[in-house]
């Protein structure tokens, strides 16, 4: 146990440190003079600063990283933010933005959705859009920007597309879900790719990648590729 003298010394030290901390919080030397925002393309640095409240004049020690993260959590395009202090008076906000991943029918419009299911924008037409369109499924309820779609179908489709090779993903025009939840892809050139139920997706997509590469190597064009068994690819070639 601490002696009375040791306790008093510890108490005095604690009071001193608290006073020192309070002094640092109030010191003009540690007031923010510059805020830099990195990683933004779709969101302006000014919007990020306004959302987070990190602005010149505040004490650099008064800002909490968890508060900054919470402040941007509802923004559709901002996936994450990292706060870095550069003493004595500079703060850097590193932003990770979401990318559009697919389009989902919504009433008379289309939802632009990120890979994690967050709604990024509402599009009135498909004009100028190069994203895969989901068919056989639509969102009926009220939707707001920044909302994460809870539908199992969106999760399954995202898993499917994320598993595709990057060079193949750009060729996917449509993802169709039939009433039995089987998935069919259609490429920009009209090739039908039958994946079947969303099971063994990793195995099926690896098989698709290998089959697609082999077709290209031999200069062949497929009409359809059936991967529903997950064991083999049944290819019907264009005559």
C-alpha atoms as a PDB file:
ATOM      1  CA  UNK A   1       0.000   0.000   0.000  1.00  0.00           C
ATOM      2  CA  UNK A   2       1.080   3.585  -0.632  1.00  0.00           C
ATOM      3  CA  UNK A   3       2.262   5.615   2.343  1.00  0.00           C
ATOM      4  CA  UNK A   4       0.524   8.878   3.090  1.00  0.00           C
ATOM      5  CA  UNK A   5       3.534  10.808   1.759  1.00  0.00           C
ATOM      6  CA  UNK A   6       3.616   8.783  -1.479  1.00  0.00           C
ATOM      7  CA  UNK A   7      -0.095   9.259  -1.926  1.00  0.00           C
ATOM      8  CA  UNK A   8       0.274  13.030  -1.571  1.00  0.00           C
ATOM      9  CA  UNK A   9       3.110  13.078  -4.112  1.00  0.00           C
ATOM     10  CA  UNK A  10       1.038  11.019  -6.558  1.00  0.00           C
ATOM     11  CA  UNK A  11      -1.934  13.334  -6.050  1.00  0.00           C
ATOM     12  CA  UNK A  12       0.202  16.427  -6.675  1.00  0.00           C
ATOM     13  CA  UNK A  13       1.639  14.827  -9.834  1.00  0.00           C
ATOM     14  CA  UNK A  14      -1.842  13.986 -11.091  1.00  0.00           C
ATOM     15  CA  UNK A  15      -3.047  17.536 -10.491  1.00  0.00           C
ATOM     16  CA  UNK A  16       0.042  18.853 -12.274  1.00  0.00           C
ATOM     17  CA  UNK A  17      -0.547  16.627 -15.300  1.00  0.00           C
ATOM     18  CA  UNK A  18      -4.215  17.616 -15.457  1.00  0.00           C
ATOM     19  CA  UNK A  19      -3.205  21.260 -15.343  1.00  0.00           C
ATOM     20  CA  UNK A  20      -0.596  20.663 -18.012  1.00  0.00           C
ATOM     21  CA  UNK A  21      -3.188  18.925 -20.200  1.00  0.00           C
ATOM     22  CA  UNK A  22      -5.631  21.775 -19.734  1.00  0.00           C
ATOM     23  CA  UNK A  23      -2.889  24.221 -20.612  1.00  0.00           C
ATOM     24  CA  UNK A  24      -2.088  22.340 -23.820  1.00  0.00           C
ATOM     25  CA  UNK A  25      -5.768  22.332 -24.757  1.00  0.00           C
ATOM     26  CA  UNK A  26      -5.895  26.120 -24.401  1.00  0.00           C
ATOM     27  CA  UNK A  27      -2.491  26.906 -25.858  1.00  0.00           C
ATOM     28  CA  UNK A  28      -2.559  28.941 -29.109  1.00  0.00           C
ATOM     29  CA  UNK A  29       0.522  26.965 -30.169  1.00  0.00           C
ATOM     30  CA  UNK A  30      -1.654  23.854 -30.640  1.00  0.00           C
ATOM     31  CA  UNK A  31      -4.591  25.486 -32.390  1.00  0.00           C
ATOM     32  CA  UNK A  32      -5.271  24.009 -35.818  1.00  0.00           C
ATOM     33  CA  UNK A  33      -3.968  26.251 -38.576  1.00  0.00           C
ATOM     34  CA  UNK A  34      -4.318  23.856 -41.528  1.00  0.00           C
ATOM     35  CA  UNK A  35      -6.616  20.969 -42.461  1.00  0.00           C
ATOM     36  CA  UNK A  36      -5.714  18.760 -45.427  1.00  0.00           C
ATOM     37  CA  UNK A  37      -8.143  16.288 -47.009  1.00  0.00           C
ATOM     38  CA  UNK A  38      -6.749  13.458 -49.115  1.00  0.00           C
ATOM     39  CA  UNK A  39      -8.399  10.717 -51.194  1.00  0.00           C
ATOM     40  CA  UNK A  40     -11.548  12.520 -52.357  1.00  0.00           C
ATOM     41  CA  UNK A  41     -12.890  12.520 -55.897  1.00  0.00           C
ATOM     42  CA  UNK A  42     -16.656  12.631 -55.511  1.00  0.00           C
ATOM     43  CA  UNK A  43     -16.749  14.544 -52.218  1.00  0.00           C
ATOM     44  CA  UNK A  44     -15.190  17.990 -51.920  1.00  0.00           C
ATOM     45  CA  UNK A  45     -12.613  18.697 -49.180  1.00  0.00           C
ATOM     46  CA  UNK A  46     -14.866  21.539 -48.007  1.00  0.00           C
ATOM     47  CA  UNK A  47     -17.753  19.114 -47.494  1.00  0.00           C
ATOM     48  CA  UNK A  48     -15.531  16.755 -45.488  1.00  0.00           C
ATOM     49  CA  UNK A  49     -14.339  19.597 -43.247  1.00  0.00           C
ATOM     50  CA  UNK A  50     -17.902  20.784 -42.710  1.00  0.00           C
ATOM     51  CA  UNK A  51     -19.100  17.258 -41.869  1.00  0.00           C
ATOM     52  CA  UNK A  52     -16.315  16.469 -39.422  1.00  0.00           C
ATOM     53  CA  UNK A  53     -16.153  19.886 -37.798  1.00  0.00           C
ATOM     54  CA  UNK A  54     -12.351  19.727 -37.926  1.00  0.00           C
ATOM     55  CA  UNK A  55     -11.492  23.315 -38.741  1.00  0.00           C
ATOM     56  CA  UNK A  56      -8.843  25.964 -38.024  1.00  0.00           C
ATOM     57  CA  UNK A  57      -8.930  27.502 -34.575  1.00  0.00           C
ATOM     58  CA  UNK A  58      -9.737  24.337 -32.629  1.00  0.00           C
ATOM     59  CA  UNK A  59      -7.232  22.739 -30.304  1.00  0.00           C
ATOM     60  CA  UNK A  60      -5.524  19.868 -32.073  1.00  0.00           C
ATOM     61  CA  UNK A  61      -5.989  17.786 -28.916  1.00  0.00           C
ATOM     62  CA  UNK A  62      -9.742  18.397 -28.683  1.00  0.00           C
ATOM     63  CA  UNK A  63     -10.548  16.256 -31.735  1.00  0.00           C
ATOM     64  CA  UNK A  64     -11.429  12.598 -31.217  1.00  0.00           C
ATOM     65  CA  UNK A  65     -11.007  10.109 -34.048  1.00  0.00           C
ATOM     66  CA  UNK A  66     -14.218   8.239 -33.147  1.00  0.00           C
ATOM     67  CA  UNK A  67     -16.222  11.465 -33.382  1.00  0.00           C
ATOM     68  CA  UNK A  68     -14.797  12.159 -36.841  1.00  0.00           C
ATOM     69  CA  UNK A  69     -15.679   8.653 -38.039  1.00  0.00           C
ATOM     70  CA  UNK A  70     -19.210   8.964 -36.647  1.00  0.00           C
ATOM     71  CA  UNK A  71     -19.680  12.367 -38.301  1.00  0.00           C
ATOM     72  CA  UNK A  72     -19.150  10.947 -41.808  1.00  0.00           C
ATOM     73  CA  UNK A  73     -20.798   7.559 -41.260  1.00  0.00           C
ATOM     74  CA  UNK A  74     -24.062   8.580 -42.914  1.00  0.00           C
ATOM     75  CA  UNK A  75     -22.479  10.004 -46.062  1.00  0.00           C
ATOM     76  CA  UNK A  76     -23.099   7.650 -49.008  1.00  0.00           C
ATOM     77  CA  UNK A  77     -19.748   8.174 -50.746  1.00  0.00           C
ATOM     78  CA  UNK A  78     -17.478   8.101 -47.683  1.00  0.00           C
ATOM     79  CA  UNK A  79     -16.555   4.583 -46.596  1.00  0.00           C
ATOM     80  CA  UNK A  80     -13.924   5.473 -44.018  1.00  0.00           C
ATOM     81  CA  UNK A  81     -11.854   8.363 -42.643  1.00  0.00           C
ATOM     82  CA  UNK A  82      -8.518   8.309 -40.867  1.00  0.00           C
ATOM     83  CA  UNK A  83      -7.414  11.286 -38.760  1.00  0.00           C
ATOM     84  CA  UNK A  84      -3.704  12.130 -38.434  1.00  0.00           C
ATOM     85  CA  UNK A  85      -2.332  14.944 -36.276  1.00  0.00           C
ATOM     86  CA  UNK A  86       0.853  16.645 -37.393  1.00  0.00           C
ATOM     87  CA  UNK A  87       1.951  18.682 -34.389  1.00  0.00           C
ATOM     88  CA  UNK A  88       1.751  21.442 -33.580  1.00  0.00           C
ATOM     89  CA  UNK A  89      -1.079  22.744 -35.796  1.00  0.00           C
ATOM     90  CA  UNK A  90      -1.917  20.529 -38.788  1.00  0.00           C
ATOM     91  CA  UNK A  91      -4.571  17.830 -39.239  1.00  0.00           C
ATOM     92  CA  UNK A  92      -4.782  15.426 -42.192  1.00  0.00           C
ATOM     93  CA  UNK A  93      -8.032  13.601 -43.018  1.00  0.00           C
ATOM     94  CA  UNK A  94      -7.477  10.569 -45.265  1.00  0.00           C
ATOM     95  CA  UNK A  95     -10.740   9.592 -46.948  1.00  0.00           C
ATOM     96  CA  UNK A  96     -11.650   6.238 -48.467  1.00  0.00           C
ATOM     97  CA  UNK A  97     -14.532   6.641 -50.913  1.00  0.00           C
ATOM     98  CA  UNK A  98     -16.960   3.999 -52.106  1.00  0.00           C
ATOM     99  CA  UNK A  99     -17.134   3.093 -55.789  1.00  0.00           C
ATOM    100  CA  UNK A 100     -20.330   2.367 -57.740  1.00  0.00           C
ATOM    101  CA  UNK A 101     -20.679  -1.370 -58.205  1.00  0.00           C
ATOM    102  CA  UNK A 102     -24.079  -2.228 -59.664  1.00  0.00           C
ATOM    103  CA  UNK A 103     -27.519  -0.861 -60.551  1.00  0.00           C
ATOM    104  CA  UNK A 104     -30.741  -2.068 -58.943  1.00  0.00           C
ATOM    105  CA  UNK A 105     -34.229  -1.225 -60.284  1.00  0.00           C
ATOM    106  CA  UNK A 106     -36.171   1.068 -57.966  1.00  0.00           C
ATOM    107  CA  UNK A 107     -39.706   2.076 -58.906  1.00  0.00           C
ATOM    108  CA  UNK A 108     -39.246   4.039 -62.150  1.00  0.00           C
ATOM    109  CA  UNK A 109     -35.524   4.669 -61.527  1.00  0.00           C
ATOM    110  CA  UNK A 110     -32.327   2.822 -60.690  1.00  0.00           C
ATOM    111  CA  UNK A 111     -30.214   2.732 -57.542  1.00  0.00           C
ATOM    112  CA  UNK A 112     -26.459   3.044 -57.883  1.00  0.00           C
ATOM    113  CA  UNK A 113     -25.127   0.694 -55.219  1.00  0.00           C
ATOM    114  CA  UNK A 114     -21.632   0.126 -53.754  1.00  0.00           C
ATOM    115  CA  UNK A 115     -20.178  -3.350 -53.167  1.00  0.00           C
ATOM    116  CA  UNK A 116     -21.196  -3.201 -49.495  1.00  0.00           C
ATOM    117  CA  UNK A 117     -24.834  -2.548 -50.399  1.00  0.00           C
ATOM    118  CA  UNK A 118     -24.834   1.190 -49.620  1.00  0.00           C
ATOM    119  CA  UNK A 119     -27.047   3.292 -51.904  1.00  0.00           C
ATOM    120  CA  UNK A 120     -24.912   5.974 -53.544  1.00  0.00           C
ATOM    121  CA  UNK A 121     -27.305   7.677 -55.952  1.00  0.00           C
ATOM    122  CA  UNK A 122     -30.645   7.421 -57.740  1.00  0.00           C
ATOM    123  CA  UNK A 123     -30.484   7.462 -61.544  1.00  0.00           C
ATOM    124  CA  UNK A 124     -33.515   8.247 -63.672  1.00  0.00           C
ATOM    125  CA  UNK A 125     -32.141   6.440 -66.748  1.00  0.00           C
ATOM    126  CA  UNK A 126     -29.458   3.956 -67.743  1.00  0.00           C
ATOM    127  CA  UNK A 127     -27.958   6.415 -70.199  1.00  0.00           C
ATOM    128  CA  UNK A 128     -24.212   6.727 -69.769  1.00  0.00           C
ATOM    129  CA  UNK A 129     -24.074   3.939 -67.149  1.00  0.00           C
ATOM    130  CA  UNK A 130     -21.492   1.163 -67.534  1.00  0.00           C
ATOM    131  CA  UNK A 131     -22.411  -0.725 -64.360  1.00  0.00           C
ATOM    132  CA  UNK A 132     -24.006  -4.193 -64.341  1.00  0.00           C
ATOM    133  CA  UNK A 133     -27.786  -4.060 -64.064  1.00  0.00           C
ATOM    134  CA  UNK A 134     -29.655  -6.407 -61.750  1.00  0.00           C
ATOM    135  CA  UNK A 135     -32.830  -7.862 -63.247  1.00  0.00           C
ATOM    136  CA  UNK A 136     -35.440 -10.160 -61.750  1.00  0.00           C
ATOM    137  CA  UNK A 137     -35.260  -8.200 -58.515  1.00  0.00           C
ATOM    138  CA  UNK A 138     -36.118  -4.667 -57.423  1.00  0.00           C
ATOM    139  CA  UNK A 139     -36.297  -2.570 -54.263  1.00  0.00           C
ATOM    140  CA  UNK A 140     -39.852  -1.646 -53.318  1.00  0.00           C
ATOM    141  CA  UNK A 141     -39.633   0.198 -49.996  1.00  0.00           C
ATOM    142  CA  UNK A 142     -38.579   3.775 -49.330  1.00  0.00           C
ATOM    143  CA  UNK A 143     -34.860   4.266 -49.844  1.00  0.00           C
ATOM    144  CA  UNK A 144     -32.519   7.060 -48.764  1.00  0.00           C
ATOM    145  CA  UNK A 145     -28.969   7.803 -49.880  1.00  0.00           C
ATOM    146  CA  UNK A 146     -26.392   6.244 -47.557  1.00  0.00           C
ATOM    147  CA  UNK A 147     -28.761   3.438 -46.581  1.00  0.00           C
ATOM    148  CA  UNK A 148     -27.388  -0.107 -46.683  1.00  0.00           C
ATOM    149  CA  UNK A 149     -29.729  -2.436 -48.534  1.00  0.00           C
ATOM    150  CA  UNK A 150     -30.433  -5.396 -46.240  1.00  0.00           C
ATOM    151  CA  UNK A 151     -31.747  -7.637 -48.982  1.00  0.00           C
ATOM    152  CA  UNK A 152     -30.116 -11.056 -49.223  1.00  0.00           C
ATOM    153  CA  UNK A 153     -30.213 -10.806 -52.996  1.00  0.00           C
ATOM    154  CA  UNK A 154     -27.939  -7.752 -53.030  1.00  0.00           C
ATOM    155  CA  UNK A 155     -25.443  -9.540 -50.783  1.00  0.00           C
ATOM    156  CA  UNK A 156     -25.401 -12.595 -53.041  1.00  0.00           C
ATOM    157  CA  UNK A 157     -24.924 -10.526 -56.182  1.00  0.00           C
ATOM    158  CA  UNK A 158     -22.128  -8.500 -54.602  1.00  0.00           C
ATOM    159  CA  UNK A 159     -20.348 -11.700 -53.572  1.00  0.00           C
ATOM    160  CA  UNK A 160     -20.680 -12.991 -57.102  1.00  0.00           C
ATOM    161  CA  UNK A 161     -19.346  -9.856 -58.801  1.00  0.00           C
ATOM    162  CA  UNK A 162     -16.500  -9.354 -56.303  1.00  0.00           C
ATOM    163  CA  UNK A 163     -15.291 -12.851 -57.134  1.00  0.00           C
ATOM    164  CA  UNK A 164     -14.955 -12.117 -60.845  1.00  0.00           C
ATOM    165  CA  UNK A 165     -11.577 -11.255 -62.363  1.00  0.00           C
ATOM    166  CA  UNK A 166     -11.262  -7.496 -62.887  1.00  0.00           C
ATOM    167  CA  UNK A 167     -10.827  -7.879 -66.634  1.00  0.00           C
ATOM    168  CA  UNK A 168     -14.043  -9.904 -66.844  1.00  0.00           C
ATOM    169  CA  UNK A 169     -16.118  -7.738 -64.510  1.00  0.00           C
ATOM    170  CA  UNK A 170     -16.029  -4.845 -67.001  1.00  0.00           C
ATOM    171  CA  UNK A 171     -17.722  -7.105 -69.558  1.00  0.00           C
ATOM    172  CA  UNK A 172     -20.744  -7.958 -67.404  1.00  0.00           C
ATOM    173  CA  UNK A 173     -23.864  -6.109 -68.548  1.00  0.00           C
ATOM    174  CA  UNK A 174     -26.598  -7.852 -66.557  1.00  0.00           C
ATOM    175  CA  UNK A 175     -27.093 -10.089 -63.540  1.00  0.00           C
ATOM    176  CA  UNK A 176     -30.414 -11.900 -63.573  1.00  0.00           C
ATOM    177  CA  UNK A 177     -32.069 -13.517 -60.563  1.00  0.00           C
ATOM    178  CA  UNK A 178     -34.822 -15.918 -61.418  1.00  0.00           C
ATOM    179  CA  UNK A 179     -37.645 -16.795 -58.953  1.00  0.00           C
ATOM    180  CA  UNK A 180     -35.627 -19.760 -57.626  1.00  0.00           C
ATOM    181  CA  UNK A 181     -32.717 -17.355 -56.832  1.00  0.00           C
ATOM    182  CA  UNK A 182     -30.452 -18.827 -59.506  1.00  0.00           C
ATOM    183  CA  UNK A 183     -27.954 -16.350 -60.934  1.00  0.00           C
ATOM    184  CA  UNK A 184     -27.306 -15.794 -64.629  1.00  0.00           C
ATOM    185  CA  UNK A 185     -24.801 -13.323 -66.042  1.00  0.00           C
ATOM    186  CA  UNK A 186     -24.965 -11.724 -69.480  1.00  0.00           C
ATOM    187  CA  UNK A 187     -21.916 -10.074 -71.007  1.00  0.00           C
ATOM    188  CA  UNK A 188     -21.897  -6.974 -73.191  1.00  0.00           C
ATOM    189  CA  UNK A 189     -21.630  -9.310 -76.194  1.00  0.00           C
ATOM    190  CA  UNK A 190     -24.638 -11.345 -75.067  1.00  0.00           C
ATOM    191  CA  UNK A 191     -22.858 -14.423 -73.727  1.00  0.00           C
ATOM    192  CA  UNK A 192     -25.071 -16.229 -71.208  1.00  0.00           C
ATOM    193  CA  UNK A 193     -23.288 -17.542 -68.096  1.00  0.00           C
ATOM    194  CA  UNK A 194     -25.341 -19.836 -65.889  1.00  0.00           C
ATOM    195  CA  UNK A 195     -24.099 -19.881 -62.289  1.00  0.00           C
ATOM    196  CA  UNK A 196     -27.169 -21.476 -60.741  1.00  0.00           C
ATOM    197  CA  UNK A 197     -27.797 -21.195 -57.016  1.00  0.00           C
ATOM    198  CA  UNK A 198     -25.379 -18.997 -55.008  1.00  0.00           C
ATOM    199  CA  UNK A 199     -23.432 -21.958 -53.626  1.00  0.00           C
ATOM    200  CA  UNK A 200     -19.831 -22.954 -54.398  1.00  0.00           C
ATOM    201  CA  UNK A 201     -19.463 -19.485 -55.931  1.00  0.00           C
ATOM    202  CA  UNK A 202     -15.707 -19.364 -55.465  1.00  0.00           C
ATOM    203  CA  UNK A 203     -15.330 -22.683 -57.268  1.00  0.00           C
ATOM    204  CA  UNK A 204     -17.705 -21.682 -60.069  1.00  0.00           C
ATOM    205  CA  UNK A 205     -16.041 -18.313 -60.645  1.00  0.00           C
ATOM    206  CA  UNK A 206     -12.570 -19.886 -60.761  1.00  0.00           C
ATOM    207  CA  UNK A 207     -13.919 -22.333 -63.347  1.00  0.00           C
ATOM    208  CA  UNK A 208     -15.416 -19.441 -65.318  1.00  0.00           C
ATOM    209  CA  UNK A 209     -12.112 -17.554 -65.327  1.00  0.00           C
ATOM    210  CA  UNK A 210     -10.191 -20.583 -66.581  1.00  0.00           C
ATOM    211  CA  UNK A 211     -12.808 -21.359 -69.245  1.00  0.00           C
ATOM    212  CA  UNK A 212     -12.937 -17.753 -70.446  1.00  0.00           C
ATOM    213  CA  UNK A 213      -9.146 -17.576 -70.748  1.00  0.00           C
ATOM    214  CA  UNK A 214      -9.082 -20.830 -72.711  1.00  0.00           C
ATOM    215  CA  UNK A 215     -11.753 -19.598 -75.119  1.00  0.00           C
ATOM    216  CA  UNK A 216      -9.826 -16.388 -75.749  1.00  0.00           C
ATOM    217  CA  UNK A 217      -6.570 -18.286 -76.251  1.00  0.00           C
ATOM    218  CA  UNK A 218      -8.222 -20.370 -79.007  1.00  0.00           C
ATOM    219  CA  UNK A 219     -10.077 -17.431 -80.544  1.00  0.00           C
ATOM    220  CA  UNK A 220     -13.451 -19.010 -79.799  1.00  0.00           C
ATOM    221  CA  UNK A 221     -16.693 -17.246 -78.898  1.00  0.00           C
ATOM    222  CA  UNK A 222     -19.248 -18.810 -76.593  1.00  0.00           C
ATOM    223  CA  UNK A 223     -23.005 -18.456 -76.776  1.00  0.00           C
ATOM    224  CA  UNK A 224     -23.412 -19.836 -73.269  1.00  0.00           C
ATOM    225  CA  UNK A 225     -21.339 -21.253 -70.426  1.00  0.00           C
ATOM    226  CA  UNK A 226     -23.106 -23.496 -67.920  1.00  0.00           C
ATOM    227  CA  UNK A 227     -21.379 -23.690 -64.531  1.00  0.00           C
ATOM    228  CA  UNK A 228     -24.327 -24.774 -62.414  1.00  0.00           C
ATOM    229  CA  UNK A 229     -22.788 -28.057 -61.269  1.00  0.00           C
ATOM    230  CA  UNK A 230     -19.634 -26.303 -60.064  1.00  0.00           C
ATOM    231  CA  UNK A 231     -17.624 -29.278 -61.355  1.00  0.00           C
ATOM    232  CA  UNK A 232     -17.344 -28.549 -65.062  1.00  0.00           C
ATOM    233  CA  UNK A 233     -18.103 -25.866 -67.634  1.00  0.00           C
ATOM    234  CA  UNK A 234     -20.487 -26.821 -70.410  1.00  0.00           C
ATOM    235  CA  UNK A 235     -19.771 -24.467 -73.306  1.00  0.00           C
ATOM    236  CA  UNK A 236     -21.937 -23.889 -76.338  1.00  0.00           C
ATOM    237  CA  UNK A 237     -19.868 -22.227 -79.043  1.00  0.00           C
ATOM    238  CA  UNK A 238     -21.018 -19.686 -81.580  1.00  0.00           C
ATOM    239  CA  UNK A 239     -21.247 -21.309 -85.009  1.00  0.00           C
END
